Structures are given as structure tokens and as C-alpha cells.
Amino acid sequence: MTTKSIIHKEIVVRGRVQGVGYRANAKHIADLLGVQGQIKNMPDKAVWILAEAEEPVMEQFLSWCRKGPAMAKVTEMEISGGPVQQVSGFTILH
């Protein structure tokens, strides 16, 4: 029996990503794909995302994050790994 391995990513997205529905759209996509995690606006106008999913799903989510919703303009994305935290659901933090 094979077990699917979950990976953990912390993502910082920069550009025009606040005030354009980025967090709500990211939650929608995460829920559709089955990505677990959290997302919040940062004081420096970036968006921070903690995401956990199987690798193929994570790649789809990261691909969406690079573009964002229609009104967003992503100029930079930092991605780092880390230990899986087994978060449940995908939550918008305020």
C-alpha cells in the first residue's frame, strides 16, 4: 500500500495582491483542490500563505498563486518548505 506524502510550503506573494480578492480566491482554489492551510495579508502589502497538500496538488496551487485573480499583479513569490503541521481546512486569517 502506498501512502501519499503531504508537503508543506510557506509562500509570500508580492505585487498588487491586497484589495483585489486574492485571499478569497486563493481560499476558493485551495478548497477546490483540497489544499489545507492559512492565508493572511501582511503589513508590507504582501500576502502570506501556509499550504499543505500532495505534491501534484501543491504544484497546481502554486501555479494559481503565481497569477492570482484577474485584478492581481504578482511580481514576486518566495516559496520555502518546512515540516508538515497537519492543518485542517483553509482559513483566511485577519
PDB file of N, CA and C in Angstrom:
ATOM      1  N   MET A   1       0.840  -1.187   0.000  1.00  0.00           N
ATOM      2  CA  MET A   1       0.000   0.000   0.000  1.00  0.00           C
ATOM      3  C   MET A   1       0.884   1.249   0.000  1.00  0.00           C
ATOM      4  N   THR A   2       0.615   2.160  -0.889  1.00  0.00           N
ATOM      5  CA  THR A   2       1.414   3.385  -0.935  1.00  0.00           C
ATOM      6  C   THR A   2       0.685   4.500  -0.185  1.00  0.00           C
ATOM      7  N   THR A   3       1.462   5.286   0.507  1.00  0.00           N
ATOM      8  CA  THR A   3       0.873   6.437   1.191  1.00  0.00           C
ATOM      9  C   THR A   3       1.286   7.682   0.418  1.00  0.00           C
ATOM     10  N   LYS A   4       0.344   8.555   0.258  1.00  0.00           N
ATOM     11  CA  LYS A   4       0.638   9.803  -0.447  1.00  0.00           C
ATOM     12  C   LYS A   4       1.291  10.755   0.540  1.00  0.00           C
ATOM     13  N   SER A   5       2.322  11.417   0.085  1.00  0.00           N
ATOM     14  CA  SER A   5       3.061  12.247   1.000  1.00  0.00           C
ATOM     15  C   SER A   5       2.672  13.713   0.851  1.00  0.00           C
ATOM     16  N   ILE A   6       2.350  14.296   1.987  1.00  0.00           N
ATOM     17  CA  ILE A   6       1.944  15.696   2.062  1.00  0.00           C
ATOM     18  C   ILE A   6       3.202  16.550   2.202  1.00  0.00           C
ATOM     19  N   ILE A   7       3.243  17.669   1.486  1.00  0.00           N
ATOM     20  CA  ILE A   7       4.367  18.597   1.630  1.00  0.00           C
ATOM     21  C   ILE A   7       3.849  19.926   2.175  1.00  0.00           C
ATOM     22  N   HIS A   8       4.742  20.656   2.807  1.00  0.00           N
ATOM     23  CA  HIS A   8       4.420  21.933   3.455  1.00  0.00           C
ATOM     24  C   HIS A   8       5.173  23.051   2.747  1.00  0.00           C
ATOM     25  N   LYS A   9       4.470  24.120   2.436  1.00  0.00           N
ATOM     26  CA  LYS A   9       5.102  25.286   1.818  1.00  0.00           C
ATOM     27  C   LYS A   9       4.628  26.549   2.532  1.00  0.00           C
ATOM     28  N   GLU A  10       5.552  27.475   2.703  1.00  0.00           N
ATOM     29  CA  GLU A  10       5.194  28.820   3.114  1.00  0.00           C
ATOM     30  C   GLU A  10       5.513  29.712   1.931  1.00  0.00           C
ATOM     31  N   ILE A  11       4.532  30.529   1.571  1.00  0.00           N
ATOM     32  CA  ILE A  11       4.608  31.311   0.339  1.00  0.00           C
ATOM     33  C   ILE A  11       4.364  32.774   0.682  1.00  0.00           C
ATOM     34  N   VAL A  12       5.211  33.643   0.175  1.00  0.00           N
ATOM     35  CA  VAL A  12       4.981  35.082   0.301  1.00  0.00           C
ATOM     36  C   VAL A  12       4.816  35.618  -1.119  1.00  0.00           C
ATOM     37  N   VAL A  13       3.656  36.234  -1.360  1.00  0.00           N
ATOM     38  CA  VAL A  13       3.328  36.738  -2.690  1.00  0.00           C
ATOM     39  C   VAL A  13       3.364  38.261  -2.635  1.00  0.00           C
ATOM     40  N   ARG A  14       4.098  38.864  -3.569  1.00  0.00           N
ATOM     41  CA  ARG A  14       4.209  40.321  -3.608  1.00  0.00           C
ATOM     42  C   ARG A  14       3.691  40.853  -4.942  1.00  0.00           C
ATOM     43  N   GLY A  15       3.333  42.123  -4.917  1.00  0.00           N
ATOM     44  CA  GLY A  15       2.787  42.779  -6.098  1.00  0.00           C
ATOM     45  C   GLY A  15       1.477  43.436  -5.705  1.00  0.00           C
ATOM     46  N   ARG A  16       0.557  43.544  -6.663  1.00  0.00           N
ATOM     47  CA  ARG A  16      -0.778  44.058  -6.346  1.00  0.00           C
ATOM     48  C   ARG A  16      -1.622  42.860  -5.928  1.00  0.00           C
ATOM     49  N   VAL A  17      -1.536  42.515  -4.628  1.00  0.00           N
ATOM     50  CA  VAL A  17      -2.196  41.305  -4.134  1.00  0.00           C
ATOM     51  C   VAL A  17      -3.115  41.581  -2.939  1.00  0.00           C
ATOM     52  N   GLN A  18      -3.199  42.837  -2.503  1.00  0.00           N
ATOM     53  CA  GLN A  18      -4.150  43.190  -1.454  1.00  0.00           C
ATOM     54  C   GLN A  18      -5.219  44.092  -2.062  1.00  0.00           C
ATOM     55  N   GLY A  19      -6.455  43.894  -1.631  1.00  0.00           N
ATOM     56  CA  GLY A  19      -7.563  44.698  -2.150  1.00  0.00           C
ATOM     57  C   GLY A  19      -8.068  44.248  -3.510  1.00  0.00           C
ATOM     58  N   VAL A  20      -7.658  43.060  -3.942  1.00  0.00           N
ATOM     59  CA  VAL A  20      -8.068  42.550  -5.261  1.00  0.00           C
ATOM     60  C   VAL A  20      -8.752  41.176  -5.164  1.00  0.00           C
ATOM     61  N   GLY A  21      -9.082  40.751  -3.948  1.00  0.00           N
ATOM     62  CA  GLY A  21      -9.735  39.460  -3.761  1.00  0.00           C
ATOM     63  C   GLY A  21      -8.785  38.277  -3.770  1.00  0.00           C
ATOM     64  N   TYR A  22      -7.500  38.525  -3.569  1.00  0.00           N
ATOM     65  CA  TYR A  22      -6.513  37.444  -3.633  1.00  0.00           C
ATOM     66  C   TYR A  22      -6.792  36.362  -2.593  1.00  0.00           C
ATOM     67  N   ARG A  23      -7.012  36.775  -1.329  1.00  0.00           N
ATOM     68  CA  ARG A  23      -7.205  35.786  -0.257  1.00  0.00           C
ATOM     69  C   ARG A  23      -8.465  34.954  -0.478  1.00  0.00           C
ATOM     70  N   ALA A  24      -9.579  35.612  -0.807  1.00  0.00           N
ATOM     71  CA  ALA A  24     -10.835  34.880  -1.010  1.00  0.00           C
ATOM     72  C   ALA A  24     -10.728  33.919  -2.190  1.00  0.00           C
ATOM     73  N   ASN A  25     -10.106  34.367  -3.276  1.00  0.00           N
ATOM     74  CA  ASN A  25      -9.923  33.499  -4.440  1.00  0.00           C
ATOM     75  C   ASN A  25      -8.965  32.354  -4.144  1.00  0.00           C
ATOM     76  N   ALA A  26      -7.903  32.633  -3.393  1.00  0.00           N
ATOM     77  CA  ALA A  26      -6.960  31.574  -3.015  1.00  0.00           C
ATOM     78  C   ALA A  26      -7.664  30.522  -2.172  1.00  0.00           C
ATOM     79  N   LYS A  27      -8.520  30.960  -1.244  1.00  0.00           N
ATOM     80  CA  LYS A  27      -9.280  30.004  -0.423  1.00  0.00           C
ATOM     81  C   LYS A  27     -10.185  29.154  -1.304  1.00  0.00           C
ATOM     82  N   HIS A  28     -10.847  29.777  -2.261  1.00  0.00           N
ATOM     83  CA  HIS A  28     -11.730  29.040  -3.174  1.00  0.00           C
ATOM     84  C   HIS A  28     -10.949  27.965  -3.935  1.00  0.00           C
ATOM     85  N   ILE A  29      -9.809  28.350  -4.486  1.00  0.00           N
ATOM     86  CA  ILE A  29      -8.971  27.401  -5.240  1.00  0.00           C
ATOM     87  C   ILE A  29      -8.453  26.302  -4.309  1.00  0.00           C
ATOM     88  N   ALA A  30      -7.989  26.688  -3.120  1.00  0.00           N
ATOM     89  CA  ALA A  30      -7.480  25.703  -2.154  1.00  0.00           C
ATOM     90  C   ALA A  30      -8.568  24.702  -1.791  1.00  0.00           C
ATOM     91  N   ASP A  31      -9.784  25.197  -1.553  1.00  0.00           N
ATOM     92  CA  ASP A  31     -10.897  24.307  -1.215  1.00  0.00           C
ATOM     93  C   ASP A  31     -11.211  23.357  -2.376  1.00  0.00           C
ATOM     94  N   LEU A  32     -11.187  23.862  -3.606  1.00  0.00           N
ATOM     95  CA  LEU A  32     -11.439  23.018  -4.778  1.00  0.00           C
ATOM     96  C   LEU A  32     -10.380  21.923  -4.926  1.00  0.00           C
ATOM     97  N   LEU A  33      -9.116  22.299  -4.686  1.00  0.00           N
ATOM     98  CA  LEU A  33      -8.004  21.357  -4.890  1.00  0.00           C
ATOM     99  C   LEU A  33      -7.775  20.435  -3.685  1.00  0.00           C
ATOM    100  N   GLY A  34      -8.271  20.839  -2.517  1.00  0.00           N
ATOM    101  CA  GLY A  34      -8.010  20.061  -1.301  1.00  0.00           C
ATOM    102  C   GLY A  34      -6.731  20.479  -0.596  1.00  0.00           C
ATOM    103  N   VAL A  35      -6.316  21.713  -0.790  1.00  0.00           N
ATOM    104  CA  VAL A  35      -5.132  22.242  -0.099  1.00  0.00           C
ATOM    105  C   VAL A  35      -5.556  22.692   1.296  1.00  0.00           C
ATOM    106  N   GLN A  36      -4.757  22.327   2.293  1.00  0.00           N
ATOM    107  CA  GLN A  36      -5.003  22.751   3.669  1.00  0.00           C
ATOM    108  C   GLN A  36      -4.066  23.910   3.969  1.00  0.00           C
ATOM    109  N   GLY A  37      -4.504  24.871   4.795  1.00  0.00           N
ATOM    110  CA  GLY A  37      -3.577  25.938   5.129  1.00  0.00           C
ATOM    111  C   GLY A  37      -4.225  27.185   5.664  1.00  0.00           C
ATOM    112  N   GLN A  38      -3.484  28.274   5.538  1.00  0.00           N
ATOM    113  CA  GLN A  38      -3.890  29.581   6.042  1.00  0.00           C
ATOM    114  C   GLN A  38      -3.356  30.652   5.097  1.00  0.00           C
ATOM    115  N   ILE A  39      -4.039  31.804   5.103  1.00  0.00           N
ATOM    116  CA  ILE A  39      -3.593  32.921   4.281  1.00  0.00           C
ATOM    117  C   ILE A  39      -3.896  34.209   5.018  1.00  0.00           C
ATOM    118  N   LYS A  40      -2.988  35.184   4.896  1.00  0.00           N
ATOM    119  CA  LYS A  40      -3.255  36.485   5.523  1.00  0.00           C
ATOM    120  C   LYS A  40      -2.492  37.588   4.807  1.00  0.00           C
ATOM    121  N   ASN A  41      -3.052  38.807   4.928  1.00  0.00           N
ATOM    122  CA  ASN A  41      -2.357  39.996   4.439  1.00  0.00           C
ATOM    123  C   ASN A  41      -1.244  40.346   5.407  1.00  0.00           C
ATOM    124  N   MET A  42      -0.148  40.841   4.876  1.00  0.00           N
ATOM    125  CA  MET A  42       0.987  41.272   5.690  1.00  0.00           C
ATOM    126  C   MET A  42       1.043  42.803   5.694  1.00  0.00           C
ATOM    127  N   PRO A  43       1.640  43.387   6.748  1.00  0.00           N
ATOM    128  CA  PRO A  43       1.729  44.851   6.820  1.00  0.00           C
ATOM    129  C   PRO A  43       2.463  45.480   5.634  1.00  0.00           C
ATOM    130  N   ASP A  44       3.382  44.733   5.003  1.00  0.00           N
ATOM    131  CA  ASP A  44       4.165  45.275   3.880  1.00  0.00           C
ATOM    132  C   ASP A  44       3.452  45.122   2.532  1.00  0.00           C
ATOM    133  N   LYS A  45       2.139  44.838   2.565  1.00  0.00           N
ATOM    134  CA  LYS A  45       1.289  44.699   1.368  1.00  0.00           C
ATOM    135  C   LYS A  45       1.468  43.368   0.640  1.00  0.00           C
ATOM    136  N   ALA A  46       2.248  42.456   1.209  1.00  0.00           N
ATOM    137  CA  ALA A  46       2.377  41.107   0.651  1.00  0.00           C
ATOM    138  C   ALA A  46       1.242  40.241   1.203  1.00  0.00           C
ATOM    139  N   VAL A  47       1.118  39.042   0.654  1.00  0.00           N
ATOM    140  CA  VAL A  47       0.195  38.038   1.183  1.00  0.00           C
ATOM    141  C   VAL A  47       1.030  36.820   1.573  1.00  0.00           C
ATOM    142  N   TRP A  48       0.784  36.315   2.786  1.00  0.00           N
ATOM    143  CA  TRP A  48       1.483  35.136   3.312  1.00  0.00           C
ATOM    144  C   TRP A  48       0.541  33.947   3.254  1.00  0.00           C
ATOM    145  N   ILE A  49       1.067  32.816   2.793  1.00  0.00           N
ATOM    146  CA  ILE A  49       0.263  31.600   2.683  1.00  0.00           C
ATOM    147  C   ILE A  49       1.034  30.432   3.286  1.00  0.00           C
ATOM    148  N   LEU A  50       0.354  29.657   4.115  1.00  0.00           N
ATOM    149  CA  LEU A  50       0.856  28.364   4.558  1.00  0.00           C
ATOM    150  C   LEU A  50      -0.017  27.346   3.828  1.00  0.00           C
ATOM    151  N   ALA A  51       0.606  26.413   3.115  1.00  0.00           N
ATOM    152  CA  ALA A  51      -0.158  25.449   2.330  1.00  0.00           C
ATOM    153  C   ALA A  51       0.414  24.052   2.504  1.00  0.00           C
ATOM    154  N   GLU A  52      -0.496  23.073   2.625  1.00  0.00           N
ATOM    155  CA  GLU A  52      -0.093  21.675   2.719  1.00  0.00           C
ATOM    156  C   GLU A  52      -0.974  20.848   1.794  1.00  0.00           C
ATOM    157  N   ALA A  53      -0.310  20.026   0.987  1.00  0.00           N
ATOM    158  CA  ALA A  53      -1.021  19.179   0.027  1.00  0.00           C
ATOM    159  C   ALA A  53      -0.034  18.164  -0.544  1.00  0.00           C
ATOM    160  N   GLU A  54      -0.564  17.211  -1.295  1.00  0.00           N
ATOM    161  CA  GLU A  54       0.298  16.296  -2.030  1.00  0.00           C
ATOM    162  C   GLU A  54       0.980  17.093  -3.139  1.00  0.00           C
ATOM    163  N   GLU A  55       2.149  16.638  -3.554  1.00  0.00           N
ATOM    164  CA  GLU A  55       2.959  17.417  -4.498  1.00  0.00           C
ATOM    165  C   GLU A  55       2.250  17.833  -5.785  1.00  0.00           C
ATOM    166  N   PRO A  56       1.519  16.932  -6.481  1.00  0.00           N
ATOM    167  CA  PRO A  56       0.870  17.386  -7.721  1.00  0.00           C
ATOM    168  C   PRO A  56      -0.174  18.473  -7.466  1.00  0.00           C
ATOM    169  N   VAL A  57      -0.893  18.352  -6.349  1.00  0.00           N
ATOM    170  CA  VAL A  57      -1.897  19.349  -5.980  1.00  0.00           C
ATOM    171  C   VAL A  57      -1.206  20.666  -5.618  1.00  0.00           C
ATOM    172  N   MET A  58      -0.111  20.564  -4.882  1.00  0.00           N
ATOM    173  CA  MET A  58       0.645  21.763  -4.497  1.00  0.00           C
ATOM    174  C   MET A  58       1.125  22.504  -5.740  1.00  0.00           C
ATOM    175  N   GLU A  59       1.590  21.771  -6.756  1.00  0.00           N
ATOM    176  CA  GLU A  59       2.052  22.414  -7.992  1.00  0.00           C
ATOM    177  C   GLU A  59       0.925  23.187  -8.668  1.00  0.00           C
ATOM    178  N   GLN A  60      -0.280  22.618  -8.671  1.00  0.00           N
ATOM    179  CA  GLN A  60      -1.431  23.320  -9.246  1.00  0.00           C
ATOM    180  C   GLN A  60      -1.728  24.593  -8.452  1.00  0.00           C
ATOM    181  N   PHE A  61      -1.686  24.478  -7.126  1.00  0.00           N
ATOM    182  CA  PHE A  61      -1.971  25.634  -6.271  1.00  0.00           C
ATOM    183  C   PHE A  61      -0.916  26.726  -6.469  1.00  0.00           C
ATOM    184  N   LEU A  62       0.355  26.341  -6.503  1.00  0.00           N
ATOM    185  CA  LEU A  62       1.433  27.314  -6.708  1.00  0.00           C
ATOM    186  C   LEU A  62       1.300  27.996  -8.064  1.00  0.00           C
ATOM    187  N   SER A  63       0.883  27.240  -9.067  1.00  0.00           N
ATOM    188  CA  SER A  63       0.681  27.805 -10.398  1.00  0.00           C
ATOM    189  C   SER A  63      -0.398  28.891 -10.340  1.00  0.00           C
ATOM    190  N   TRP A  64      -1.496  28.622  -9.610  1.00  0.00           N
ATOM    191  CA  TRP A  64      -2.540  29.639  -9.453  1.00  0.00           C
ATOM    192  C   TRP A  64      -1.979  30.850  -8.695  1.00  0.00           C
ATOM    193  N   CYS A  65      -1.222  30.604  -7.631  1.00  0.00           N
ATOM    194  CA  CYS A  65      -0.673  31.693  -6.805  1.00  0.00           C
ATOM    195  C   CYS A  65       0.194  32.640  -7.631  1.00  0.00           C
ATOM    196  N   ARG A  66       0.899  32.114  -8.619  1.00  0.00           N
ATOM    197  CA  ARG A  66       1.768  32.946  -9.462  1.00  0.00           C
ATOM    198  C   ARG A  66       0.972  33.950 -10.286  1.00  0.00           C
ATOM    199  N   LYS A  67      -0.305  33.632 -10.570  1.00  0.00           N
ATOM    200  CA  LYS A  67      -1.154  34.523 -11.356  1.00  0.00           C
ATOM    201  C   LYS A  67      -2.122  35.291 -10.469  1.00  0.00           C
ATOM    202  N   GLY A  68      -2.796  34.573  -9.558  1.00  0.00           N
ATOM    203  CA  GLY A  68      -3.805  35.183  -8.707  1.00  0.00           C
ATOM    204  C   GLY A  68      -5.069  35.485  -9.475  1.00  0.00           C
ATOM    205  N   PRO A  69      -6.006  36.203  -8.839  1.00  0.00           N
ATOM    206  CA  PRO A  69      -7.254  36.560  -9.517  1.00  0.00           C
ATOM    207  C   PRO A  69      -7.014  37.630 -10.582  1.00  0.00           C
ATOM    208  N   ALA A  70      -8.047  37.920 -11.361  1.00  0.00           N
ATOM    209  CA  ALA A  70      -7.930  38.808 -12.527  1.00  0.00           C
ATOM    210  C   ALA A  70      -7.316  40.174 -12.198  1.00  0.00           C
ATOM    211  N   MET A  71      -7.688  40.786 -11.084  1.00  0.00           N
ATOM    212  CA  MET A  71      -7.222  42.138 -10.755  1.00  0.00           C
ATOM    213  C   MET A  71      -5.828  42.165 -10.118  1.00  0.00           C
ATOM    214  N   ALA A  72      -5.286  41.008  -9.777  1.00  0.00           N
ATOM    215  CA  ALA A  72      -3.973  40.941  -9.121  1.00  0.00           C
ATOM    216  C   ALA A  72      -2.852  41.067 -10.152  1.00  0.00           C
ATOM    217  N   LYS A  73      -1.701  41.507  -9.666  1.00  0.00           N
ATOM    218  CA  LYS A  73      -0.487  41.511 -10.484  1.00  0.00           C
ATOM    219  C   LYS A  73       0.646  41.023  -9.596  1.00  0.00           C
ATOM    220  N   VAL A  74       0.955  39.742  -9.704  1.00  0.00           N
ATOM    221  CA  VAL A  74       2.008  39.141  -8.893  1.00  0.00           C
ATOM    222  C   VAL A  74       3.354  39.491  -9.518  1.00  0.00           C
ATOM    223  N   THR A  75       4.237  40.099  -8.718  1.00  0.00           N
ATOM    224  CA  THR A  75       5.561  40.463  -9.218  1.00  0.00           C
ATOM    225  C   THR A  75       6.666  39.595  -8.626  1.00  0.00           C
ATOM    226  N   GLU A  76       6.393  38.950  -7.497  1.00  0.00           N
ATOM    227  CA  GLU A  76       7.420  38.139  -6.841  1.00  0.00           C
ATOM    228  C   GLU A  76       6.739  37.109  -5.955  1.00  0.00           C
ATOM    229  N   MET A  77       7.348  35.929  -5.873  1.00  0.00           N
ATOM    230  CA  MET A  77       6.825  34.889  -4.996  1.00  0.00           C
ATOM    231  C   MET A  77       7.984  34.151  -4.363  1.00  0.00           C
ATOM    232  N   GLU A  78       8.028  34.136  -3.036  1.00  0.00           N
ATOM    233  CA  GLU A  78       9.048  33.386  -2.296  1.00  0.00           C
ATOM    234  C   GLU A  78       8.388  32.127  -1.754  1.00  0.00           C
ATOM    235  N   ILE A  79       9.027  30.990  -1.971  1.00  0.00           N
ATOM    236  CA  ILE A  79       8.478  29.709  -1.518  1.00  0.00           C
ATOM    237  C   ILE A  79       9.535  29.006  -0.679  1.00  0.00           C
ATOM    238  N   SER A  80       9.135  28.585   0.510  1.00  0.00           N
ATOM    239  CA  SER A  80      10.051  27.800   1.342  1.00  0.00           C
ATOM    240  C   SER A  80       9.304  26.590   1.888  1.00  0.00           C
ATOM    241  N   GLY A  81      10.052  25.542   2.166  1.00  0.00           N
ATOM    242  CA  GLY A  81       9.472  24.321   2.719  1.00  0.00           C
ATOM    243  C   GLY A  81       9.539  24.340   4.235  1.00  0.00           C
ATOM    244  N   GLY A  82       9.059  23.277   4.831  1.00  0.00           N
ATOM    245  CA  GLY A  82       9.101  23.155   6.274  1.00  0.00           C
ATOM    246  C   GLY A  82       8.418  21.874   6.698  1.00  0.00           C
ATOM    247  N   PRO A  83       8.396  21.618   8.008  1.00  0.00           N
ATOM    248  CA  PRO A  83       7.740  20.406   8.489  1.00  0.00           C
ATOM    249  C   PRO A  83       6.219  20.523   8.367  1.00  0.00           C
ATOM    250  N   VAL A  84       5.572  19.428   8.024  1.00  0.00           N
ATOM    251  CA  VAL A  84       4.113  19.395   7.889  1.00  0.00           C
ATOM    252  C   VAL A  84       3.486  19.656   9.252  1.00  0.00           C
ATOM    253  N   GLN A  85       2.518  20.566   9.286  1.00  0.00           N
ATOM    254  CA  GLN A  85       1.854  20.940  10.534  1.00  0.00           C
ATOM    255  C   GLN A  85       0.460  20.338  10.661  1.00  0.00           C
ATOM    256  N   GLN A  86       0.006  19.634   9.637  1.00  0.00           N
ATOM    257  CA  GLN A  86      -1.289  18.960   9.620  1.00  0.00           C
ATOM    258  C   GLN A  86      -2.440  19.912   9.951  1.00  0.00           C
ATOM    259  N   VAL A  87      -2.450  21.058   9.294  1.00  0.00           N
ATOM    260  CA  VAL A  87      -3.556  21.994   9.465  1.00  0.00           C
ATOM    261  C   VAL A  87      -4.801  21.406   8.806  1.00  0.00           C
ATOM    262  N   SER A  88      -5.950  21.838   9.275  1.00  0.00           N
ATOM    263  CA  SER A  88      -7.210  21.317   8.754  1.00  0.00           C
ATOM    264  C   SER A  88      -7.999  22.457   8.131  1.00  0.00           C
ATOM    265  N   GLY A  89      -8.434  22.272   6.892  1.00  0.00           N
ATOM    266  CA  GLY A  89      -9.164  23.319   6.197  1.00  0.00           C
ATOM    267  C   GLY A  89      -8.233  24.379   5.652  1.00  0.00           C
ATOM    268  N   PHE A  90      -8.808  25.404   5.066  1.00  0.00           N
ATOM    269  CA  PHE A  90      -8.013  26.533   4.562  1.00  0.00           C
ATOM    270  C   PHE A  90      -8.674  27.802   5.098  1.00  0.00           C
ATOM    271  N   THR A  91      -7.947  28.516   5.943  1.00  0.00           N
ATOM    272  CA  THR A  91      -8.507  29.620   6.710  1.00  0.00           C
ATOM    273  C   THR A  91      -7.907  30.953   6.302  1.00  0.00           C
ATOM    274  N   ILE A  92      -8.771  31.961   6.181  1.00  0.00           N
ATOM    275  CA  ILE A  92      -8.301  33.342   5.982  1.00  0.00           C
ATOM    276  C   ILE A  92      -8.111  33.941   7.368  1.00  0.00           C
ATOM    277  N   LEU A  93      -6.879  34.340   7.655  1.00  0.00           N
ATOM    278  CA  LEU A  93      -6.575  34.978   8.947  1.00  0.00           C
ATOM    279  C   LEU A  93      -6.680  36.487   8.797  1.00  0.00           C
ATOM    280  N   HIS A  94      -7.161  37.148   9.833  1.00  0.00           N
ATOM    281  CA  HIS A  94      -7.311  38.614   9.788  1.00  0.00           C
ATOM    282  C   HIS A  94      -6.388  39.257  10.792  1.00  0.00           C
TER     283      HIS A  94
END
